[in-house]
Amino acid sequence: MLRYGTQNETEMNIMLRLAELLEQTNTTHAELAKHLGLNRTTVSHYAAGRNEPDIATLIRIADFFHVSVDYLVGRDIEPESPYTGEQIVVDPEKPVKLRVNNRTIEIILAEEK
């Protein structure tokens, strides 16, 4: 479900969703800041609604918590990223190579025991 809001609503949604995700994952402002390459005060300001992250930072926050940017800004009520849980049909005889966050991951399928 998508919905659109004003800039103030978007800022409020980012603040609320970020605070909620930090609490749910037991992540500190310092831990998130370190991952984002920012100082703790900047992340604290995002969580308090004093500042708003730029789009690049918003994407990195979404990636860190495995949620969509739409969820962070309040356009989607479901926290799941559209990329999680996606089924991929592959040939079981061949390895699968995926690119995730500029890294190549090779997956070799094996029969379950």
N, C-alpha and C. Protein backbone atom coordinates (compact mmCIF):
# COMPACT_ATOMS: atom_id res chain seq x y z
N MET A 1 0.85 -1.16 0.00
CA MET A 1 0.00 0.00 0.00
C MET A 1 0.91 1.23 0.00
N LEU A 2 0.72 2.09 -0.99
CA LEU A 2 1.50 3.32 -1.08
C LEU A 2 0.62 4.50 -0.73
N ARG A 3 1.23 5.46 -0.08
CA ARG A 3 0.50 6.70 0.18
C ARG A 3 1.50 7.84 0.13
N TYR A 4 1.01 9.01 -0.14
CA TYR A 4 1.88 10.18 -0.25
C TYR A 4 1.52 11.16 0.84
N GLY A 5 2.52 11.88 1.34
CA GLY A 5 2.27 12.85 2.39
C GLY A 5 3.06 14.11 2.15
N THR A 6 2.92 15.04 3.06
CA THR A 6 3.65 16.29 2.97
C THR A 6 5.09 16.08 3.40
N GLN A 7 5.92 17.08 3.19
CA GLN A 7 7.32 16.97 3.61
C GLN A 7 7.40 16.77 5.12
N ASN A 8 6.57 17.49 5.88
CA ASN A 8 6.58 17.33 7.34
C ASN A 8 6.21 15.91 7.75
N GLU A 9 5.22 15.32 7.06
CA GLU A 9 4.83 13.94 7.36
C GLU A 9 5.97 12.99 7.04
N THR A 10 6.66 13.23 5.93
CA THR A 10 7.79 12.38 5.55
C THR A 10 8.89 12.45 6.59
N GLU A 11 9.23 13.66 7.04
CA GLU A 11 10.25 13.83 8.08
C GLU A 11 9.84 13.11 9.36
N MET A 12 8.57 13.21 9.73
CA MET A 12 8.07 12.55 10.93
C MET A 12 8.14 11.03 10.77
N ASN A 13 7.78 10.54 9.58
CA ASN A 13 7.84 9.10 9.34
C ASN A 13 9.26 8.57 9.44
N ILE A 14 10.22 9.29 8.86
CA ILE A 14 11.62 8.87 8.94
C ILE A 14 12.05 8.79 10.40
N MET A 15 11.71 9.80 11.16
CA MET A 15 12.08 9.84 12.57
C MET A 15 11.46 8.66 13.32
N LEU A 16 10.17 8.43 13.14
CA LEU A 16 9.48 7.36 13.85
C LEU A 16 9.97 5.98 13.43
N ARG A 17 10.11 5.79 12.12
CA ARG A 17 10.55 4.48 11.63
C ARG A 17 11.99 4.19 12.04
N LEU A 18 12.85 5.18 11.99
CA LEU A 18 14.24 4.97 12.38
C LEU A 18 14.32 4.62 13.86
N ALA A 19 13.61 5.37 14.69
CA ALA A 19 13.61 5.08 16.13
C ALA A 19 13.07 3.67 16.40
N GLU A 20 12.02 3.29 15.69
CA GLU A 20 11.43 1.97 15.84
C GLU A 20 12.41 0.86 15.43
N LEU A 21 13.09 1.05 14.30
CA LEU A 21 14.04 0.04 13.81
C LEU A 21 15.25 -0.07 14.74
N LEU A 22 15.72 1.05 15.22
CA LEU A 22 16.84 1.02 16.17
C LEU A 22 16.46 0.21 17.42
N GLU A 23 15.26 0.46 17.93
CA GLU A 23 14.82 -0.25 19.13
C GLU A 23 14.59 -1.73 18.86
N GLN A 24 13.93 -2.06 17.76
CA GLN A 24 13.63 -3.46 17.43
C GLN A 24 14.88 -4.30 17.23
N THR A 25 15.92 -3.69 16.70
CA THR A 25 17.15 -4.43 16.41
C THR A 25 18.22 -4.24 17.48
N ASN A 26 17.88 -3.52 18.53
CA ASN A 26 18.84 -3.21 19.59
C ASN A 26 20.12 -2.61 19.03
N THR A 27 19.97 -1.74 18.05
CA THR A 27 21.10 -1.05 17.43
C THR A 27 21.24 0.32 18.07
N THR A 28 22.45 0.68 18.45
CA THR A 28 22.68 2.00 19.03
C THR A 28 22.91 3.02 17.92
N HIS A 29 22.77 4.27 18.27
CA HIS A 29 23.07 5.35 17.32
C HIS A 29 24.52 5.24 16.87
N ALA A 30 25.40 4.90 17.79
CA ALA A 30 26.83 4.79 17.48
C ALA A 30 27.09 3.66 16.47
N GLU A 31 26.41 2.53 16.64
CA GLU A 31 26.59 1.40 15.71
C GLU A 31 26.13 1.75 14.31
N LEU A 32 24.96 2.37 14.22
CA LEU A 32 24.45 2.77 12.91
C LEU A 32 25.35 3.83 12.29
N ALA A 33 25.77 4.78 13.10
CA ALA A 33 26.66 5.85 12.61
C ALA A 33 27.94 5.26 12.04
N LYS A 34 28.52 4.30 12.74
CA LYS A 34 29.75 3.67 12.27
C LYS A 34 29.53 3.00 10.92
N HIS A 35 28.42 2.28 10.80
CA HIS A 35 28.11 1.60 9.53
C HIS A 35 27.92 2.60 8.39
N LEU A 36 27.31 3.74 8.69
CA LEU A 36 27.03 4.75 7.67
C LEU A 36 28.21 5.67 7.40
N GLY A 37 29.22 5.61 8.27
CA GLY A 37 30.36 6.51 8.11
C GLY A 37 30.04 7.93 8.55
N LEU A 38 29.14 8.05 9.53
CA LEU A 38 28.72 9.34 10.06
C LEU A 38 29.06 9.39 11.55
N ASN A 39 28.93 10.58 12.13
CA ASN A 39 29.14 10.61 13.58
C ASN A 39 27.81 10.33 14.29
N ARG A 40 27.92 9.90 15.53
CA ARG A 40 26.74 9.50 16.30
C ARG A 40 25.72 10.62 16.43
N THR A 41 26.20 11.85 16.57
CA THR A 41 25.28 12.98 16.72
C THR A 41 24.38 13.14 15.51
N THR A 42 24.92 12.91 14.33
CA THR A 42 24.11 13.02 13.11
C THR A 42 22.98 12.01 13.13
N VAL A 43 23.28 10.77 13.48
CA VAL A 43 22.25 9.73 13.56
C VAL A 43 21.25 10.07 14.65
N SER A 44 21.71 10.57 15.77
CA SER A 44 20.81 10.98 16.86
C SER A 44 19.85 12.07 16.38
N HIS A 45 20.35 12.99 15.57
CA HIS A 45 19.49 14.05 15.03
C HIS A 45 18.46 13.49 14.06
N TYR A 46 18.84 12.48 13.27
CA TYR A 46 17.86 11.84 12.39
C TYR A 46 16.75 11.20 13.22
N ALA A 47 17.14 10.46 14.26
CA ALA A 47 16.16 9.74 15.09
C ALA A 47 15.28 10.69 15.89
N ALA A 48 15.79 11.89 16.18
CA ALA A 48 15.01 12.88 16.93
C ALA A 48 14.21 13.80 16.01
N GLY A 49 14.41 13.68 14.71
CA GLY A 49 13.70 14.51 13.76
C GLY A 49 14.28 15.91 13.60
N ARG A 50 15.48 16.14 14.11
CA ARG A 50 16.11 17.46 13.98
C ARG A 50 16.71 17.67 12.60
N ASN A 51 17.20 16.59 12.00
CA ASN A 51 17.75 16.63 10.64
C ASN A 51 17.15 15.49 9.84
N GLU A 52 17.22 15.61 8.54
CA GLU A 52 16.71 14.58 7.64
C GLU A 52 17.86 14.07 6.78
N PRO A 53 18.00 12.74 6.66
CA PRO A 53 19.10 12.21 5.84
C PRO A 53 18.89 12.50 4.36
N ASP A 54 20.00 12.66 3.62
CA ASP A 54 19.87 12.81 2.17
C ASP A 54 19.51 11.45 1.58
N ILE A 55 19.19 11.43 0.30
CA ILE A 55 18.68 10.19 -0.31
C ILE A 55 19.72 9.07 -0.26
N ALA A 56 21.00 9.39 -0.47
CA ALA A 56 22.03 8.34 -0.42
C ALA A 56 22.11 7.72 0.97
N THR A 57 22.02 8.54 2.00
CA THR A 57 22.05 8.04 3.38
C THR A 57 20.78 7.26 3.69
N LEU A 58 19.66 7.73 3.18
CA LEU A 58 18.38 7.04 3.39
C LEU A 58 18.45 5.63 2.79
N ILE A 59 19.04 5.51 1.63
CA ILE A 59 19.18 4.20 0.98
C ILE A 59 20.08 3.29 1.83
N ARG A 60 21.17 3.84 2.35
CA ARG A 60 22.08 3.04 3.18
C ARG A 60 21.42 2.62 4.49
N ILE A 61 20.58 3.49 5.05
CA ILE A 61 19.84 3.13 6.27
C ILE A 61 18.87 1.99 5.94
N ALA A 62 18.15 2.11 4.84
CA ALA A 62 17.21 1.06 4.43
C ALA A 62 17.94 -0.26 4.22
N ASP A 63 19.09 -0.22 3.55
CA ASP A 63 19.88 -1.44 3.34
C ASP A 63 20.34 -2.04 4.66
N PHE A 64 20.77 -1.21 5.58
CA PHE A 64 21.26 -1.69 6.88
C PHE A 64 20.16 -2.46 7.62
N PHE A 65 18.93 -1.93 7.59
CA PHE A 65 17.83 -2.56 8.32
C PHE A 65 17.03 -3.55 7.46
N HIS A 66 17.42 -3.71 6.19
CA HIS A 66 16.73 -4.62 5.28
C HIS A 66 15.25 -4.25 5.11
N VAL A 67 15.02 -2.96 4.95
CA VAL A 67 13.67 -2.45 4.67
C VAL A 67 13.74 -1.61 3.40
N SER A 68 12.61 -1.24 2.88
CA SER A 68 12.59 -0.39 1.70
C SER A 68 12.66 1.09 2.11
N VAL A 69 13.13 1.91 1.20
CA VAL A 69 13.12 3.36 1.43
C VAL A 69 11.68 3.83 1.58
N ASP A 70 10.78 3.26 0.79
CA ASP A 70 9.36 3.62 0.92
C ASP A 70 8.85 3.40 2.34
N TYR A 71 9.30 2.33 2.98
CA TYR A 71 8.90 2.08 4.36
C TYR A 71 9.43 3.18 5.29
N LEU A 72 10.70 3.54 5.10
CA LEU A 72 11.30 4.57 5.96
C LEU A 72 10.58 5.91 5.86
N VAL A 73 10.14 6.27 4.65
CA VAL A 73 9.51 7.58 4.47
C VAL A 73 7.99 7.54 4.65
N GLY A 74 7.45 6.33 4.96
CA GLY A 74 6.03 6.23 5.24
C GLY A 74 5.15 6.00 4.03
N ARG A 75 5.73 5.68 2.90
CA ARG A 75 4.92 5.41 1.70
C ARG A 75 4.45 3.97 1.66
N ASP A 76 5.02 3.12 2.49
CA ASP A 76 4.66 1.71 2.52
C ASP A 76 4.56 1.29 3.98
N ILE A 77 3.51 0.58 4.31
CA ILE A 77 3.34 0.16 5.70
C ILE A 77 4.05 -1.15 6.00
N GLU A 78 4.50 -1.85 4.97
CA GLU A 78 5.22 -3.11 5.15
C GLU A 78 6.72 -2.84 5.22
N PRO A 79 7.39 -3.31 6.28
CA PRO A 79 8.82 -3.02 6.40
C PRO A 79 9.71 -3.82 5.46
N GLU A 80 9.21 -4.93 4.90
CA GLU A 80 10.05 -5.77 4.08
C GLU A 80 10.46 -5.06 2.81
N SER A 81 11.72 -5.25 2.47
CA SER A 81 12.22 -4.77 1.20
C SER A 81 11.60 -5.61 0.10
N PRO A 82 11.31 -5.03 -1.05
CA PRO A 82 10.75 -5.83 -2.13
C PRO A 82 11.72 -6.89 -2.63
N TYR A 83 12.97 -6.84 -2.20
CA TYR A 83 13.97 -7.78 -2.68
C TYR A 83 14.18 -8.95 -1.73
N THR A 84 13.64 -8.90 -0.53
CA THR A 84 13.85 -10.00 0.40
C THR A 84 12.80 -11.06 0.16
N GLY A 85 13.22 -12.30 0.26
CA GLY A 85 12.28 -13.39 0.10
C GLY A 85 11.90 -13.65 -1.35
N GLU A 86 12.51 -12.96 -2.27
CA GLU A 86 12.17 -13.14 -3.67
C GLU A 86 12.68 -14.49 -4.14
N GLN A 87 11.84 -15.23 -4.86
CA GLN A 87 12.24 -16.54 -5.35
C GLN A 87 12.92 -16.40 -6.70
N ILE A 88 14.00 -17.14 -6.86
CA ILE A 88 14.74 -17.14 -8.11
C ILE A 88 14.78 -18.58 -8.60
N VAL A 89 14.36 -18.80 -9.83
CA VAL A 89 14.40 -20.13 -10.41
C VAL A 89 15.73 -20.27 -11.13
N VAL A 90 16.47 -21.32 -10.79
CA VAL A 90 17.81 -21.52 -11.36
C VAL A 90 17.97 -22.96 -11.83
N ASP A 91 18.98 -23.16 -12.66
CA ASP A 91 19.37 -24.50 -13.08
C ASP A 91 20.22 -25.09 -11.97
N PRO A 92 19.81 -26.20 -11.35
CA PRO A 92 20.57 -26.74 -10.22
C PRO A 92 21.95 -27.26 -10.59
N GLU A 93 22.22 -27.38 -11.87
CA GLU A 93 23.53 -27.87 -12.32
C GLU A 93 24.57 -26.76 -12.42
N LYS A 94 24.14 -25.49 -12.34
CA LYS A 94 25.05 -24.37 -12.53
C LYS A 94 25.08 -23.48 -11.29
N PRO A 95 26.26 -22.95 -10.95
CA PRO A 95 26.30 -21.98 -9.84
C PRO A 95 25.58 -20.69 -10.24
N VAL A 96 25.09 -19.99 -9.25
CA VAL A 96 24.38 -18.74 -9.46
C VAL A 96 25.26 -17.61 -8.93
N LYS A 97 25.42 -16.57 -9.72
CA LYS A 97 26.18 -15.41 -9.25
C LYS A 97 25.22 -14.23 -9.14
N LEU A 98 25.23 -13.61 -7.98
CA LEU A 98 24.38 -12.44 -7.72
C LEU A 98 25.28 -11.28 -7.33
N ARG A 99 24.84 -10.06 -7.67
CA ARG A 99 25.55 -8.86 -7.20
C ARG A 99 24.69 -8.20 -6.15
N VAL A 100 25.25 -8.02 -4.98
CA VAL A 100 24.57 -7.38 -3.86
C VAL A 100 25.51 -6.34 -3.29
N ASN A 101 25.07 -5.09 -3.29
CA ASN A 101 25.89 -4.00 -2.76
C ASN A 101 27.30 -4.00 -3.33
N ASN A 102 27.39 -4.12 -4.66
CA ASN A 102 28.65 -4.10 -5.40
C ASN A 102 29.58 -5.26 -5.05
N ARG A 103 29.04 -6.35 -4.55
CA ARG A 103 29.83 -7.54 -4.27
C ARG A 103 29.20 -8.71 -5.01
N THR A 104 30.01 -9.56 -5.57
CA THR A 104 29.50 -10.74 -6.25
C THR A 104 29.45 -11.89 -5.26
N ILE A 105 28.31 -12.56 -5.22
CA ILE A 105 28.11 -13.69 -4.34
C ILE A 105 27.84 -14.89 -5.24
N GLU A 106 28.58 -15.96 -5.06
CA GLU A 106 28.35 -17.17 -5.84
C GLU A 106 27.66 -18.17 -4.94
N ILE A 107 26.54 -18.68 -5.43
CA ILE A 107 25.75 -19.64 -4.67
C ILE A 107 25.81 -20.98 -5.41
N ILE A 108 26.22 -22.00 -4.71
CA ILE A 108 26.27 -23.34 -5.29
C ILE A 108 25.21 -24.17 -4.59
N LEU A 109 24.28 -24.66 -5.37
CA LEU A 109 23.17 -25.41 -4.81
C LEU A 109 23.57 -26.85 -4.54
N ALA A 110 23.09 -27.40 -3.47
CA ALA A 110 23.35 -28.80 -3.13
C ALA A 110 22.04 -29.43 -2.69
N GLU A 111 21.95 -30.73 -2.84
CA GLU A 111 20.74 -31.43 -2.42
C GLU A 111 20.66 -31.44 -0.90
N GLU A 112 19.43 -31.33 -0.41
CA GLU A 112 19.22 -31.40 1.03
C GLU A 112 19.37 -32.83 1.50
N LYS A 113 19.89 -33.02 2.70
CA LYS A 113 20.03 -34.38 3.26
C LYS A 113 19.00 -34.62 4.32
